[in-house]
Amino acid sequence: MTMRITKGKVVDGQVIVEGDPLNEGSTVTVLVSDETTFRLNAEDEAALLQAIAGADQNNLISGEDVIKKIS
């Protein structure tokens, strides 16, 4: 599976993707920034993509464990 990061904007309740369009039927994960933008370095981006891939394989951890990891 190939993954890419893109961004978009919600218009009339739908996410409008910037840049190249996504393939019809694509499965997407949406992270909402609550108007605060952030940038990831290459290491953090790789970790995020690895976590998303793990979630796609139902390899999940609890919210409590996530908080412990980032605290």
N, C-alpha and C. Protein backbone atom coordinates (compact mmCIF):
# COMPACT_ATOMS: atom_id res chain seq x y z
N MET A 1 0.84 -1.17 0.00
CA MET A 1 0.00 0.00 0.00
C MET A 1 0.89 1.24 0.00
N THR A 2 0.61 2.16 -0.87
CA THR A 2 1.33 3.43 -0.93
C THR A 2 0.50 4.48 -0.22
N MET A 3 1.17 5.31 0.57
CA MET A 3 0.47 6.37 1.29
C MET A 3 1.11 7.70 0.94
N ARG A 4 0.31 8.75 1.01
CA ARG A 4 0.84 10.10 0.82
C ARG A 4 0.10 11.04 1.74
N ILE A 5 0.73 12.14 2.04
CA ILE A 5 0.10 13.16 2.86
C ILE A 5 -0.31 14.30 1.96
N THR A 6 -1.54 14.74 2.11
CA THR A 6 -2.04 15.88 1.35
C THR A 6 -2.89 16.71 2.28
N LYS A 7 -3.29 17.86 1.86
CA LYS A 7 -4.17 18.66 2.71
C LYS A 7 -5.33 19.18 1.90
N GLY A 8 -6.31 19.66 2.59
CA GLY A 8 -7.50 20.17 1.93
C GLY A 8 -8.25 21.11 2.85
N LYS A 9 -9.43 21.48 2.43
CA LYS A 9 -10.26 22.41 3.19
C LYS A 9 -11.71 21.92 3.13
N VAL A 10 -12.44 22.10 4.22
CA VAL A 10 -13.84 21.71 4.25
C VAL A 10 -14.66 22.83 3.61
N VAL A 11 -15.43 22.48 2.59
CA VAL A 11 -16.31 23.42 1.90
C VAL A 11 -17.68 22.76 1.80
N ASP A 12 -18.68 23.40 2.38
CA ASP A 12 -20.04 22.85 2.39
C ASP A 12 -20.08 21.42 2.91
N GLY A 13 -19.29 21.14 3.96
CA GLY A 13 -19.31 19.84 4.61
C GLY A 13 -18.49 18.76 3.92
N GLN A 14 -17.79 19.10 2.84
CA GLN A 14 -16.97 18.12 2.14
C GLN A 14 -15.52 18.58 2.14
N VAL A 15 -14.60 17.62 2.20
CA VAL A 15 -13.18 17.94 2.17
C VAL A 15 -12.76 18.08 0.70
N ILE A 16 -12.25 19.26 0.36
CA ILE A 16 -11.74 19.52 -0.98
C ILE A 16 -10.22 19.41 -0.90
N VAL A 17 -9.66 18.45 -1.59
CA VAL A 17 -8.23 18.16 -1.52
C VAL A 17 -7.47 19.08 -2.46
N GLU A 18 -6.36 19.64 -1.95
CA GLU A 18 -5.49 20.47 -2.77
C GLU A 18 -4.59 19.56 -3.60
N GLY A 19 -4.15 20.03 -4.74
CA GLY A 19 -3.22 19.28 -5.57
C GLY A 19 -3.91 18.20 -6.37
N ASP A 20 -3.17 17.13 -6.64
CA ASP A 20 -3.70 16.03 -7.45
C ASP A 20 -4.91 15.40 -6.77
N PRO A 21 -5.96 15.09 -7.53
CA PRO A 21 -7.14 14.46 -6.93
C PRO A 21 -6.83 13.05 -6.46
N LEU A 22 -7.60 12.61 -5.47
CA LEU A 22 -7.47 11.24 -4.98
C LEU A 22 -8.26 10.30 -5.89
N ASN A 23 -7.83 9.05 -5.92
CA ASN A 23 -8.56 8.05 -6.70
C ASN A 23 -9.92 7.81 -6.09
N GLU A 24 -10.94 7.63 -6.91
CA GLU A 24 -12.28 7.33 -6.45
C GLU A 24 -12.25 6.09 -5.57
N GLY A 25 -12.88 6.16 -4.41
CA GLY A 25 -12.92 5.03 -3.50
C GLY A 25 -11.73 4.94 -2.56
N SER A 26 -10.82 5.93 -2.62
CA SER A 26 -9.65 5.92 -1.73
C SER A 26 -10.11 5.97 -0.28
N THR A 27 -9.40 5.24 0.58
CA THR A 27 -9.62 5.33 2.02
C THR A 27 -8.69 6.40 2.55
N VAL A 28 -9.22 7.33 3.33
CA VAL A 28 -8.41 8.43 3.83
C VAL A 28 -8.52 8.53 5.34
N THR A 29 -7.49 9.09 5.95
CA THR A 29 -7.50 9.42 7.37
C THR A 29 -7.41 10.93 7.47
N VAL A 30 -8.28 11.53 8.24
CA VAL A 30 -8.32 12.99 8.35
C VAL A 30 -7.88 13.40 9.74
N LEU A 31 -6.86 14.25 9.81
CA LEU A 31 -6.41 14.84 11.07
C LEU A 31 -6.85 16.29 11.06
N VAL A 32 -7.63 16.70 12.03
CA VAL A 32 -8.12 18.07 12.08
C VAL A 32 -7.22 18.89 12.99
N SER A 33 -6.74 20.00 12.47
CA SER A 33 -5.77 20.79 13.22
C SER A 33 -6.39 21.85 14.11
N ASP A 34 -7.70 22.01 14.09
CA ASP A 34 -8.36 23.04 14.88
C ASP A 34 -7.73 24.41 14.69
N GLU A 35 -7.48 24.74 13.43
CA GLU A 35 -6.93 26.03 13.02
C GLU A 35 -5.48 26.25 13.44
N THR A 36 -4.87 25.29 14.11
CA THR A 36 -3.46 25.39 14.47
C THR A 36 -2.68 24.51 13.52
N THR A 37 -1.74 25.07 12.83
CA THR A 37 -0.97 24.26 11.90
C THR A 37 0.26 23.70 12.59
N PHE A 38 0.78 22.64 12.06
CA PHE A 38 1.99 22.04 12.60
C PHE A 38 2.78 21.45 11.46
N ARG A 39 4.05 21.31 11.68
CA ARG A 39 4.93 20.70 10.69
C ARG A 39 5.61 19.50 11.34
N LEU A 40 5.82 18.49 10.56
CA LEU A 40 6.49 17.29 11.04
C LEU A 40 7.86 17.20 10.38
N ASN A 41 8.85 16.84 11.18
CA ASN A 41 10.14 16.54 10.57
C ASN A 41 10.03 15.14 9.97
N ALA A 42 11.04 14.73 9.22
CA ALA A 42 10.99 13.45 8.51
C ALA A 42 10.77 12.27 9.46
N GLU A 43 11.41 12.32 10.64
CA GLU A 43 11.28 11.23 11.61
C GLU A 43 9.86 11.13 12.15
N ASP A 44 9.27 12.28 12.51
CA ASP A 44 7.90 12.28 13.02
C ASP A 44 6.90 11.89 11.94
N GLU A 45 7.13 12.33 10.71
CA GLU A 45 6.25 11.95 9.61
C GLU A 45 6.28 10.44 9.40
N ALA A 46 7.48 9.86 9.45
CA ALA A 46 7.61 8.40 9.30
C ALA A 46 6.88 7.68 10.43
N ALA A 47 7.00 8.19 11.66
CA ALA A 47 6.32 7.57 12.80
C ALA A 47 4.81 7.66 12.64
N LEU A 48 4.31 8.80 12.16
CA LEU A 48 2.88 8.96 11.93
C LEU A 48 2.39 7.97 10.87
N LEU A 49 3.11 7.87 9.77
CA LEU A 49 2.72 6.94 8.71
C LEU A 49 2.77 5.50 9.19
N GLN A 50 3.74 5.17 10.03
CA GLN A 50 3.83 3.82 10.59
C GLN A 50 2.64 3.54 11.50
N ALA A 51 2.26 4.53 12.30
CA ALA A 51 1.11 4.37 13.19
C ALA A 51 -0.18 4.20 12.40
N ILE A 52 -0.33 4.97 11.33
CA ILE A 52 -1.52 4.84 10.48
C ILE A 52 -1.56 3.45 9.85
N ALA A 53 -0.42 2.97 9.37
CA ALA A 53 -0.37 1.63 8.78
C ALA A 53 -0.73 0.58 9.82
N GLY A 54 -0.26 0.75 11.05
CA GLY A 54 -0.61 -0.17 12.12
C GLY A 54 -2.10 -0.15 12.41
N ALA A 55 -2.69 1.03 12.40
CA ALA A 55 -4.13 1.14 12.64
C ALA A 55 -4.91 0.46 11.52
N ASP A 56 -4.42 0.59 10.29
CA ASP A 56 -5.07 -0.06 9.16
C ASP A 56 -5.05 -1.58 9.32
N GLN A 57 -4.08 -2.10 10.06
CA GLN A 57 -3.97 -3.54 10.30
C GLN A 57 -4.58 -3.93 11.64
N ASN A 58 -5.35 -3.01 12.24
CA ASN A 58 -5.98 -3.21 13.55
C ASN A 58 -4.97 -3.44 14.66
N ASN A 59 -3.76 -2.91 14.50
CA ASN A 59 -2.72 -2.97 15.52
C ASN A 59 -2.82 -1.67 16.32
N LEU A 60 -3.75 -1.63 17.27
CA LEU A 60 -4.09 -0.39 17.97
C LEU A 60 -3.63 -0.42 19.43
N ILE A 61 -3.43 0.76 20.00
CA ILE A 61 -3.16 0.89 21.43
C ILE A 61 -4.20 1.80 22.03
N SER A 62 -4.39 1.71 23.33
CA SER A 62 -5.42 2.50 23.99
C SER A 62 -5.02 3.98 24.08
N GLY A 63 -5.99 4.83 24.25
CA GLY A 63 -5.75 6.25 24.44
C GLY A 63 -4.87 6.53 25.64
N GLU A 64 -5.06 5.76 26.71
CA GLU A 64 -4.23 5.92 27.92
C GLU A 64 -2.76 5.66 27.61
N ASP A 65 -2.48 4.63 26.83
CA ASP A 65 -1.11 4.32 26.45
C ASP A 65 -0.51 5.42 25.59
N VAL A 66 -1.31 6.01 24.72
CA VAL A 66 -0.82 7.11 23.89
C VAL A 66 -0.42 8.29 24.76
N ILE A 67 -1.26 8.63 25.72
CA ILE A 67 -0.97 9.76 26.62
C ILE A 67 0.30 9.48 27.41
N LYS A 68 0.46 8.25 27.89
CA LYS A 68 1.68 7.89 28.62
C LYS A 68 2.92 8.06 27.75
N LYS A 69 2.82 7.67 26.47
CA LYS A 69 3.96 7.76 25.56
C LYS A 69 4.38 9.20 25.29
N ILE A 70 3.41 10.11 25.18
CA ILE A 70 3.75 11.48 24.82
C ILE A 70 3.95 12.39 26.04
N SER A 71 3.67 11.88 27.21
CA SER A 71 3.85 12.70 28.43
C SER A 71 5.28 12.68 28.90
